[in-house]
C-alpha atoms as a PDB file:
ATOM      1  CA  UNK A   1      11.409  12.433 -11.842  1.00  0.00           C
ATOM      2  CA  UNK A   2      10.887  14.890  -8.979  1.00  0.00           C
ATOM      3  CA  UNK A   3      13.019  15.476  -5.896  1.00  0.00           C
ATOM      4  CA  UNK A   4      11.728  13.292  -2.626  1.00  0.00           C
ATOM      5  CA  UNK A   5      12.639  12.949   0.664  1.00  0.00           C
ATOM      6  CA  UNK A   6      13.832   8.850   0.544  1.00  0.00           C
ATOM      7  CA  UNK A   7      11.931   6.872   3.228  1.00  0.00           C
ATOM      8  CA  UNK A   8      13.945   4.264   5.182  1.00  0.00           C
ATOM      9  CA  UNK A   9      11.972   1.231   6.154  1.00  0.00           C
ATOM     10  CA  UNK A  10      13.997  -1.913   7.616  1.00  0.00           C
ATOM     11  CA  UNK A  11      17.225  -2.117   6.007  1.00  0.00           C
ATOM     12  CA  UNK A  12      16.126  -0.375   2.585  1.00  0.00           C
ATOM     13  CA  UNK A  13      15.023   3.137   1.471  1.00  0.00           C
ATOM     14  CA  UNK A  14      12.054   3.919  -0.382  1.00  0.00           C
ATOM     15  CA  UNK A  15      12.061   7.214  -2.752  1.00  0.00           C
ATOM     16  CA  UNK A  16      14.845   9.218  -4.830  1.00  0.00           C
ATOM     17  CA  UNK A  17      17.084   6.694  -6.901  1.00  0.00           C
ATOM     18  CA  UNK A  18      15.856   3.714  -5.253  1.00  0.00           C
ATOM     19  CA  UNK A  19      14.443   1.013  -7.111  1.00  0.00           C
ATOM     20  CA  UNK A  20      10.572  -0.331  -6.915  1.00  0.00           C
ATOM     21  CA  UNK A  21       9.133  -1.291  -3.297  1.00  0.00           C
ATOM     22  CA  UNK A  22       6.709  -3.923  -3.156  1.00  0.00           C
ATOM     23  CA  UNK A  23       4.237  -3.972  -0.519  1.00  0.00           C
ATOM     24  CA  UNK A  24       2.006  -6.994  -0.711  1.00  0.00           C
ATOM     25  CA  UNK A  25       0.158  -9.273   1.420  1.00  0.00           C
ATOM     26  CA  UNK A  26      -3.552 -10.774   1.799  1.00  0.00           C
ATOM     27  CA  UNK A  27      -6.205  -7.971   2.422  1.00  0.00           C
ATOM     28  CA  UNK A  28      -6.931  -8.933   6.146  1.00  0.00           C
ATOM     29  CA  UNK A  29      -5.152 -11.623   8.505  1.00  0.00           C
ATOM     30  CA  UNK A  30      -7.743 -14.503   7.704  1.00  0.00           C
ATOM     31  CA  UNK A  31      -6.085 -16.886  10.052  1.00  0.00           C
ATOM     32  CA  UNK A  32      -2.423 -17.431  11.999  1.00  0.00           C
ATOM     33  CA  UNK A  33      -1.683 -19.862   9.656  1.00  0.00           C
ATOM     34  CA  UNK A  34      -2.826 -18.284   6.355  1.00  0.00           C
ATOM     35  CA  UNK A  35      -1.132 -15.027   7.051  1.00  0.00           C
ATOM     36  CA  UNK A  36       2.012 -17.249   8.066  1.00  0.00           C
ATOM     37  CA  UNK A  37       1.977 -19.029   4.637  1.00  0.00           C
ATOM     38  CA  UNK A  38       1.533 -16.009   2.537  1.00  0.00           C
ATOM     39  CA  UNK A  39       4.199 -14.409   4.344  1.00  0.00           C
ATOM     40  CA  UNK A  40       6.565 -17.176   3.531  1.00  0.00           C
ATOM     41  CA  UNK A  41       5.618 -17.570  -0.080  1.00  0.00           C
ATOM     42  CA  UNK A  42       5.999 -13.643  -0.878  1.00  0.00           C
ATOM     43  CA  UNK A  43       9.652 -13.779   0.533  1.00  0.00           C
ATOM     44  CA  UNK A  44      10.888 -16.231  -1.370  1.00  0.00           C
ATOM     45  CA  UNK A  45       8.965 -14.909  -4.655  1.00  0.00           C
ATOM     46  CA  UNK A  46      10.734 -11.352  -3.794  1.00  0.00           C
ATOM     47  CA  UNK A  47      14.005 -13.060  -2.887  1.00  0.00           C
ATOM     48  CA  UNK A  48      14.114 -14.510  -6.305  1.00  0.00           C
ATOM     49  CA  UNK A  49      12.991 -11.419  -8.049  1.00  0.00           C
ATOM     50  CA  UNK A  50      15.615  -9.462  -5.989  1.00  0.00           C
ATOM     51  CA  UNK A  51      13.112  -6.831  -4.945  1.00  0.00           C
ATOM     52  CA  UNK A  52      12.778  -5.372  -1.585  1.00  0.00           C
ATOM     53  CA  UNK A  53       9.430  -5.741  -0.005  1.00  0.00           C
ATOM     54  CA  UNK A  54       7.180  -4.970   3.404  1.00  0.00           C
ATOM     55  CA  UNK A  55       4.494  -7.793   4.002  1.00  0.00           C
ATOM     56  CA  UNK A  56       1.130  -5.959   4.324  1.00  0.00           C
ATOM     57  CA  UNK A  57      -2.044  -7.088   6.232  1.00  0.00           C
ATOM     58  CA  UNK A  58      -5.276  -5.530   8.389  1.00  0.00           C
ATOM     59  CA  UNK A  59      -5.987  -6.391  11.901  1.00  0.00           C
ATOM     60  CA  UNK A  60      -9.593  -4.720  11.500  1.00  0.00           C
ATOM     61  CA  UNK A  61     -11.181  -3.675   8.310  1.00  0.00           C
ATOM     62  CA  UNK A  62     -13.256  -1.058   9.896  1.00  0.00           C
ATOM     63  CA  UNK A  63     -14.581  -0.204   6.249  1.00  0.00           C
ATOM     64  CA  UNK A  64     -16.457  -3.017   4.604  1.00  0.00           C
ATOM     65  CA  UNK A  65     -19.331  -2.440   2.637  1.00  0.00           C
ATOM     66  CA  UNK A  66     -21.744  -4.768   5.041  1.00  0.00           C
ATOM     67  CA  UNK A  67     -21.786  -5.041   8.557  1.00  0.00           C
ATOM     68  CA  UNK A  68     -22.114  -9.139   7.932  1.00  0.00           C
ATOM     69  CA  UNK A  69     -18.485  -8.947   6.352  1.00  0.00           C
ATOM     70  CA  UNK A  70     -15.508 -10.233   7.638  1.00  0.00           C
ATOM     71  CA  UNK A  71     -13.518  -7.958   9.507  1.00  0.00           C
ATOM     72  CA  UNK A  72     -10.100  -9.671  11.449  1.00  0.00           C
ATOM     73  CA  UNK A  73      -9.116 -10.898  14.414  1.00  0.00           C
ATOM     74  CA  UNK A  74      -9.200  -7.307  15.940  1.00  0.00           C
ATOM     75  CA  UNK A  75      -6.010  -5.199  17.460  1.00  0.00           C
ATOM     76  CA  UNK A  76      -4.479  -7.453  19.879  1.00  0.00           C
ATOM     77  CA  UNK A  77      -4.785 -10.805  17.852  1.00  0.00           C
ATOM     78  CA  UNK A  78      -4.201  -9.125  15.038  1.00  0.00           C
ATOM     79  CA  UNK A  79      -0.923  -7.437  16.018  1.00  0.00           C
ATOM     80  CA  UNK A  80       0.275 -10.869  17.654  1.00  0.00           C
ATOM     81  CA  UNK A  81       0.044 -12.639  14.289  1.00  0.00           C
ATOM     82  CA  UNK A  82       1.950 -10.002  12.939  1.00  0.00           C
ATOM     83  CA  UNK A  83       4.643  -9.663  15.483  1.00  0.00           C
ATOM     84  CA  UNK A  84       5.438 -13.483  14.508  1.00  0.00           C
ATOM     85  CA  UNK A  85       5.559 -12.811  10.982  1.00  0.00           C
ATOM     86  CA  UNK A  86       7.946  -9.557  11.331  1.00  0.00           C
ATOM     87  CA  UNK A  87      10.177 -12.023  13.061  1.00  0.00           C
ATOM     88  CA  UNK A  88      10.060 -15.159  11.700  1.00  0.00           C
ATOM     89  CA  UNK A  89      10.657 -13.781   8.412  1.00  0.00           C
ATOM     90  CA  UNK A  90      12.636 -10.317   8.659  1.00  0.00           C
ATOM     91  CA  UNK A  91      10.252  -8.342   7.056  1.00  0.00           C
ATOM     92  CA  UNK A  92       9.204  -4.953   7.764  1.00  0.00           C
ATOM     93  CA  UNK A  93       5.357  -4.489   8.382  1.00  0.00           C
ATOM     94  CA  UNK A  94       2.581  -2.491   7.400  1.00  0.00           C
ATOM     95  CA  UNK A  95      -0.912  -2.276   8.656  1.00  0.00           C
ATOM     96  CA  UNK A  96      -3.542   0.373   9.036  1.00  0.00           C
ATOM     97  CA  UNK A  97      -4.959   2.441  11.523  1.00  0.00           C
ATOM     98  CA  UNK A  98      -8.583   3.626  12.386  1.00  0.00           C
ATOM     99  CA  UNK A  99      -8.690   5.159  15.341  1.00  0.00           C
ATOM    100  CA  UNK A 100      -6.246   7.729  16.901  1.00  0.00           C
ATOM    101  CA  UNK A 101      -5.791   4.855  20.108  1.00  0.00           C
ATOM    102  CA  UNK A 102      -4.498   2.179  18.082  1.00  0.00           C
ATOM    103  CA  UNK A 103      -1.665   4.362  16.739  1.00  0.00           C
ATOM    104  CA  UNK A 104       0.832   3.349  19.583  1.00  0.00           C
ATOM    105  CA  UNK A 105       0.050  -0.285  19.996  1.00  0.00           C
ATOM    106  CA  UNK A 106       0.573  -0.828  16.445  1.00  0.00           C
ATOM    107  CA  UNK A 107       3.326   0.896  16.353  1.00  0.00           C
ATOM    108  CA  UNK A 108       4.994  -1.329  18.541  1.00  0.00           C
ATOM    109  CA  UNK A 109       4.575  -4.055  15.515  1.00  0.00           C
ATOM    110  CA  UNK A 110       3.995  -2.083  12.260  1.00  0.00           C
ATOM    111  CA  UNK A 111       7.303  -0.356  10.524  1.00  0.00           C
ATOM    112  CA  UNK A 112       4.221   1.538   8.621  1.00  0.00           C
ATOM    113  CA  UNK A 113       1.233   2.591  10.104  1.00  0.00           C
ATOM    114  CA  UNK A 114      -1.422   3.536   7.219  1.00  0.00           C
ATOM    115  CA  UNK A 115      -3.642   5.663   6.982  1.00  0.00           C
ATOM    116  CA  UNK A 116      -7.228   4.670   4.815  1.00  0.00           C
ATOM    117  CA  UNK A 117      -8.282   6.435   2.153  1.00  0.00           C
ATOM    118  CA  UNK A 118     -11.704   7.171   3.745  1.00  0.00           C
ATOM    119  CA  UNK A 119      -9.843   8.783   6.542  1.00  0.00           C
ATOM    120  CA  UNK A 120      -7.169  10.672   4.928  1.00  0.00           C
ATOM    121  CA  UNK A 121      -8.477  14.088   5.974  1.00  0.00           C
ATOM    122  CA  UNK A 122      -9.111  13.108  10.077  1.00  0.00           C
ATOM    123  CA  UNK A 123      -6.466  15.221  11.509  1.00  0.00           C
ATOM    124  CA  UNK A 124      -6.076  13.456  15.189  1.00  0.00           C
ATOM    125  CA  UNK A 125      -5.794  10.160  13.051  1.00  0.00           C
ATOM    126  CA  UNK A 126      -2.937  11.616  11.111  1.00  0.00           C
ATOM    127  CA  UNK A 127      -0.957  12.965  13.946  1.00  0.00           C
ATOM    128  CA  UNK A 128      -1.368  10.266  16.288  1.00  0.00           C
ATOM    129  CA  UNK A 129       0.522   8.264  13.198  1.00  0.00           C
ATOM    130  CA  UNK A 130       3.090  10.678  13.701  1.00  0.00           C
ATOM    131  CA  UNK A 131       3.881  10.879  16.983  1.00  0.00           C
ATOM    132  CA  UNK A 132       4.922   7.276  16.628  1.00  0.00           C
ATOM    133  CA  UNK A 133       7.673   8.173  14.543  1.00  0.00           C
ATOM    134  CA  UNK A 134       6.881   5.385  12.889  1.00  0.00           C
ATOM    135  CA  UNK A 135       7.040   5.985   8.614  1.00  0.00           C
ATOM    136  CA  UNK A 136       3.099   6.996   8.024  1.00  0.00           C
ATOM    137  CA  UNK A 137       1.960   5.886   4.623  1.00  0.00           C
ATOM    138  CA  UNK A 138      -1.263   8.121   3.380  1.00  0.00           C
ATOM    139  CA  UNK A 139      -3.772   6.664   1.391  1.00  0.00           C
ATOM    140  CA  UNK A 140      -5.306   9.396  -1.261  1.00  0.00           C
ATOM    141  CA  UNK A 141      -8.749   9.544  -0.550  1.00  0.00           C
ATOM    142  CA  UNK A 142     -10.865   8.741  -3.420  1.00  0.00           C
ATOM    143  CA  UNK A 143     -12.629  11.985  -3.088  1.00  0.00           C
ATOM    144  CA  UNK A 144      -9.729  14.127  -3.256  1.00  0.00           C
ATOM    145  CA  UNK A 145      -7.528  15.744  -5.977  1.00  0.00           C
ATOM    146  CA  UNK A 146      -3.836  14.723  -6.190  1.00  0.00           C
ATOM    147  CA  UNK A 147      -2.927  18.201  -5.196  1.00  0.00           C
ATOM    148  CA  UNK A 148      -4.947  17.575  -1.553  1.00  0.00           C
ATOM    149  CA  UNK A 149      -2.613  15.552  -0.243  1.00  0.00           C
ATOM    150  CA  UNK A 150      -0.412  18.175   0.291  1.00  0.00           C
ATOM    151  CA  UNK A 151      -2.724  19.458   3.541  1.00  0.00           C
ATOM    152  CA  UNK A 152      -2.637  15.685   4.785  1.00  0.00           C
ATOM    153  CA  UNK A 153       1.564  15.579   4.422  1.00  0.00           C
ATOM    154  CA  UNK A 154       1.535  18.422   6.278  1.00  0.00           C
ATOM    155  CA  UNK A 155      -0.441  17.590   9.404  1.00  0.00           C
ATOM    156  CA  UNK A 156       2.181  14.526   9.505  1.00  0.00           C
ATOM    157  CA  UNK A 157       5.384  16.821   8.972  1.00  0.00           C
ATOM    158  CA  UNK A 158       3.826  19.242  11.710  1.00  0.00           C
ATOM    159  CA  UNK A 159       3.772  16.256  14.141  1.00  0.00           C
ATOM    160  CA  UNK A 160       7.107  15.746  14.063  1.00  0.00           C
ATOM    161  CA  UNK A 161       7.637  13.594  11.446  1.00  0.00           C
ATOM    162  CA  UNK A 162       9.310  13.723   7.861  1.00  0.00           C
ATOM    163  CA  UNK A 163       8.856   9.780   7.331  1.00  0.00           C
ATOM    164  CA  UNK A 164       5.887   9.879   4.893  1.00  0.00           C
ATOM    165  CA  UNK A 165       4.612   8.060   2.127  1.00  0.00           C
ATOM    166  CA  UNK A 166       1.395   9.076  -0.254  1.00  0.00           C
ATOM    167  CA  UNK A 167      -0.496   6.388  -2.279  1.00  0.00           C
ATOM    168  CA  UNK A 168      -2.652   6.236  -5.009  1.00  0.00           C
ATOM    169  CA  UNK A 169      -5.738   4.077  -4.742  1.00  0.00           C
ATOM    170  CA  UNK A 170      -8.102   5.773  -7.922  1.00  0.00           C
ATOM    171  CA  UNK A 171     -10.179   8.688  -7.754  1.00  0.00           C
ATOM    172  CA  UNK A 172     -14.244   7.859  -7.555  1.00  0.00           C
ATOM    173  CA  UNK A 173     -15.834   8.147 -11.178  1.00  0.00           C
ATOM    174  CA  UNK A 174     -19.552   8.130 -10.955  1.00  0.00           C
ATOM    175  CA  UNK A 175     -21.185   5.209  -9.138  1.00  0.00           C
ATOM    176  CA  UNK A 176     -19.262   1.984  -8.080  1.00  0.00           C
ATOM    177  CA  UNK A 177     -15.910   2.568 -10.152  1.00  0.00           C
ATOM    178  CA  UNK A 178     -12.633   4.421  -9.693  1.00  0.00           C
ATOM    179  CA  UNK A 179     -10.258   5.771 -12.272  1.00  0.00           C
ATOM    180  CA  UNK A 180      -6.800   6.330 -11.908  1.00  0.00           C
ATOM    181  CA  UNK A 181      -5.328   9.605 -13.249  1.00  0.00           C
ATOM    182  CA  UNK A 182      -1.538   8.989 -14.299  1.00  0.00           C
ATOM    183  CA  UNK A 183      -0.680  12.759 -13.738  1.00  0.00           C
ATOM    184  CA  UNK A 184      -1.643  12.006  -9.860  1.00  0.00           C
ATOM    185  CA  UNK A 185       1.553  10.516  -9.392  1.00  0.00           C
ATOM    186  CA  UNK A 186       4.123  13.304 -10.386  1.00  0.00           C
ATOM    187  CA  UNK A 187       1.640  16.020  -9.095  1.00  0.00           C
ATOM    188  CA  UNK A 188       2.065  13.894  -5.382  1.00  0.00           C
ATOM    189  CA  UNK A 189       5.955  13.435  -5.700  1.00  0.00           C
ATOM    190  CA  UNK A 190       6.350  17.073  -6.284  1.00  0.00           C
ATOM    191  CA  UNK A 191       5.363  17.098  -2.885  1.00  0.00           C
ATOM    192  CA  UNK A 192       8.526  15.938  -2.014  1.00  0.00           C
ATOM    193  CA  UNK A 193       6.907  12.538  -1.046  1.00  0.00           C
ATOM    194  CA  UNK A 194       7.981   9.330  -2.338  1.00  0.00           C
ATOM    195  CA  UNK A 195       4.658   7.773  -4.151  1.00  0.00           C
ATOM    196  CA  UNK A 196       3.315   4.276  -3.576  1.00  0.00           C
ATOM    197  CA  UNK A 197       0.450   3.046  -6.256  1.00  0.00           C
ATOM    198  CA  UNK A 198      -2.149   0.718  -4.958  1.00  0.00           C
ATOM    199  CA  UNK A 199      -2.806  -1.183  -8.234  1.00  0.00           C
ATOM    200  CA  UNK A 200      -5.572  -3.997  -6.750  1.00  0.00           C
ATOM    201  CA  UNK A 201      -7.558  -1.304  -4.618  1.00  0.00           C
ATOM    202  CA  UNK A 202      -7.885   0.859  -7.976  1.00  0.00           C
ATOM    203  CA  UNK A 203      -9.296  -1.667  -9.508  1.00  0.00           C
ATOM    204  CA  UNK A 204     -12.107  -2.081  -6.711  1.00  0.00           C
ATOM    205  CA  UNK A 205     -16.032  -1.485  -7.923  1.00  0.00           C
ATOM    206  CA  UNK A 206     -17.035  -0.032  -4.568  1.00  0.00           C
ATOM    207  CA  UNK A 207     -20.422  -1.302  -3.163  1.00  0.00           C
ATOM    208  CA  UNK A 208     -21.100  -2.926  -6.855  1.00  0.00           C
ATOM    209  CA  UNK A 209     -21.398  -6.263  -5.490  1.00  0.00           C
ATOM    210  CA  UNK A 210     -24.606  -6.483  -3.459  1.00  0.00           C
ATOM    211  CA  UNK A 211     -23.441  -5.920  -0.186  1.00  0.00           C
ATOM    212  CA  UNK A 212     -19.611  -6.360  -0.927  1.00  0.00           C
ATOM    213  CA  UNK A 213     -16.913  -4.422  -3.217  1.00  0.00           C
ATOM    214  CA  UNK A 214     -16.610  -5.925  -6.721  1.00  0.00           C
ATOM    215  CA  UNK A 215     -13.325  -5.763  -8.826  1.00  0.00           C
ATOM    216  CA  UNK A 216     -11.496  -6.075 -12.034  1.00  0.00           C
ATOM    217  CA  UNK A 217      -8.340  -7.886 -11.380  1.00  0.00           C
ATOM    218  CA  UNK A 218      -8.084  -8.730 -15.009  1.00  0.00           C
ATOM    219  CA  UNK A 219      -6.455  -5.446 -15.057  1.00  0.00           C
ATOM    220  CA  UNK A 220      -3.741  -5.606 -12.980  1.00  0.00           C
ATOM    221  CA  UNK A 221      -0.814  -6.107 -15.014  1.00  0.00           C
ATOM    222  CA  UNK A 222      -1.627  -3.303 -17.576  1.00  0.00           C
ATOM    223  CA  UNK A 223      -2.765  -0.624 -14.775  1.00  0.00           C
ATOM    224  CA  UNK A 224       0.620  -1.856 -12.700  1.00  0.00           C
ATOM    225  CA  UNK A 225       2.866  -1.280 -15.748  1.00  0.00           C
ATOM    226  CA  UNK A 226       1.278   1.858 -16.539  1.00  0.00           C
ATOM    227  CA  UNK A 227       2.221   3.345 -12.624  1.00  0.00           C
ATOM    228  CA  UNK A 228       5.916   1.490 -12.998  1.00  0.00           C
ATOM    229  CA  UNK A 229       6.256   3.573 -16.373  1.00  0.00           C
ATOM    230  CA  UNK A 230       5.026   7.096 -14.713  1.00  0.00           C
ATOM    231  CA  UNK A 231       7.832   6.505 -12.014  1.00  0.00           C
ATOM    232  CA  UNK A 232       6.234   5.270  -8.841  1.00  0.00           C
ATOM    233  CA  UNK A 233       8.148   4.385  -5.579  1.00  0.00           C
ATOM    234  CA  UNK A 234       6.516   1.905  -4.966  1.00  0.00           C
ATOM    235  CA  UNK A 235       3.548  -0.751  -5.469  1.00  0.00           C
ATOM    236  CA  UNK A 236       0.947  -2.001  -3.520  1.00  0.00           C
ATOM    237  CA  UNK A 237      -0.508  -5.036  -4.222  1.00  0.00           C
ATOM    238  CA  UNK A 238      -3.266  -7.778  -2.469  1.00  0.00           C
ATOM    239  CA  UNK A 239      -2.485 -10.972  -3.056  1.00  0.00           C
ATOM    240  CA  UNK A 240      -3.849 -14.570  -2.332  1.00  0.00           C
ATOM    241  CA  UNK A 241      -3.156 -18.187  -3.098  1.00  0.00           C
ATOM    242  CA  UNK A 242      -7.089 -18.277  -4.329  1.00  0.00           C
ATOM    243  CA  UNK A 243      -8.876 -14.901  -4.318  1.00  0.00           C
ATOM    244  CA  UNK A 244     -12.155 -16.693  -4.891  1.00  0.00           C
ATOM    245  CA  UNK A 245     -11.826 -17.623  -1.518  1.00  0.00           C
ATOM    246  CA  UNK A 246     -10.735 -14.262   0.109  1.00  0.00           C
ATOM    247  CA  UNK A 247     -12.302 -13.037   3.260  1.00  0.00           C
ATOM    248  CA  UNK A 248     -11.990  -9.381   2.054  1.00  0.00           C
ATOM    249  CA  UNK A 249     -11.589  -7.409  -1.992  1.00  0.00           C
ATOM    250  CA  UNK A 250     -11.757 -11.547  -3.295  1.00  0.00           C
ATOM    251  CA  UNK A 251     -12.397  -9.678  -6.782  1.00  0.00           C
ATOM    252  CA  UNK A 252      -9.704  -7.664  -7.607  1.00  0.00           C
ATOM    253  CA  UNK A 253      -6.505  -9.225  -5.498  1.00  0.00           C
ATOM    254  CA  UNK A 254      -4.030 -10.935  -7.845  1.00  0.00           C
ATOM    255  CA  UNK A 255      -3.306 -14.354  -7.970  1.00  0.00           C
ATOM    256  CA  UNK A 256      -0.084 -15.686  -5.929  1.00  0.00           C
ATOM    257  CA  UNK A 257       0.573 -17.953  -8.680  1.00  0.00           C
ATOM    258  CA  UNK A 258       0.696 -14.881 -10.979  1.00  0.00           C
ATOM    259  CA  UNK A 259       2.934 -12.586  -9.137  1.00  0.00           C
ATOM    260  CA  UNK A 260       6.663 -13.544  -9.721  1.00  0.00           C
ATOM    261  CA  UNK A 261       6.122 -12.797 -13.648  1.00  0.00           C
ATOM    262  CA  UNK A 262       4.070  -9.789 -12.939  1.00  0.00           C
ATOM    263  CA  UNK A 263       7.036  -8.637 -10.470  1.00  0.00           C
ATOM    264  CA  UNK A 264       9.890  -9.373 -13.055  1.00  0.00           C
ATOM    265  CA  UNK A 265       7.884  -7.405 -15.854  1.00  0.00           C
ATOM    266  CA  UNK A 266       7.717  -4.518 -13.766  1.00  0.00           C
ATOM    267  CA  UNK A 267      11.296  -4.253 -12.327  1.00  0.00           C
ATOM    268  CA  UNK A 268      12.066  -4.395 -15.864  1.00  0.00           C
ATOM    269  CA  UNK A 269      10.110  -1.242 -16.660  1.00  0.00           C
ATOM    270  CA  UNK A 270      11.231   0.308 -13.474  1.00  0.00           C
ATOM    271  CA  UNK A 271      14.975   0.284 -14.759  1.00  0.00           C
ATOM    272  CA  UNK A 272      14.184   1.852 -17.878  1.00  0.00           C
ATOM    273  CA  UNK A 273      12.266   4.651 -16.033  1.00  0.00           C
ATOM    274  CA  UNK A 274      15.193   4.953 -13.586  1.00  0.00           C
ATOM    275  CA  UNK A 275      17.977   4.783 -16.051  1.00  0.00           C
ATOM    276  CA  UNK A 276      16.201   7.343 -18.591  1.00  0.00           C
ATOM    277  CA  UNK A 277      16.059   9.770 -15.573  1.00  0.00           C
ATOM    278  CA  UNK A 278      19.751   9.409 -14.726  1.00  0.00           C
ATOM    279  CA  UNK A 279      20.317  10.411 -18.390  1.00  0.00           C
ATOM    280  CA  UNK A 280      18.092  13.434 -18.383  1.00  0.00           C
ATOM    281  CA  UNK A 281      19.571  14.817 -14.563  1.00  0.00           C
ATOM    282  CA  UNK A 282      23.215  14.636 -16.307  1.00  0.00           C
ATOM    283  CA  UNK A 283      21.702  16.795 -19.210  1.00  0.00           C
END
């Protein structure tokens, strides 16, 4: 594995020789009760699996396909809900921001500020996130080559922040389709940053659902296994107890009941990859 600058989140570290980290939660805050229920169940699953994890959920989905789609509770209410989850379950929080003015209030709650893929070149947003001092997770734009991400990473670093993650979430391939190039993981890791694999968003079929994003959740397991085998530092999964009823990304979310078994398989692959890397490094 390429040498990277590890990133500290809460009580654990992402990158370097550290084990795989899980970022998981519903796509959007559907209600306070639902978000707490999901966080509580995810906390138990992560504990049993022995994996460090970060709870993720959006307070506002500002890039939905249709103006009629559910967006979430908004900044103020959403951050209140996330603060409650952080306190109740003692778990780090990740949420995405879409405007520079949201960076500082979001940073008062979130441990990781996420830059959405469509906004990965927005200089003012990247710099505003950097200046909060929080970890910044930049999703690779669907329209960017892996090595293009060095420019986004540089904007955060030049904003005075070395705490950077880069997330792969698929690349546009024709109409309504995304593909994941496994070469992207070592390419982006070569920039010295930990790399996360957003499996569930990579299985979107953008705009293919007549006003909503369709998806192919049946391929979550093989794609996740391939990414972990390629040496990613973290795995990003949107989960829901009943994906068919999810208010966002229903067709590409992982069913909560399937998460624990998948985690055990992925952690076993991660151990093999890291052991092999240690053997190589010893020559």
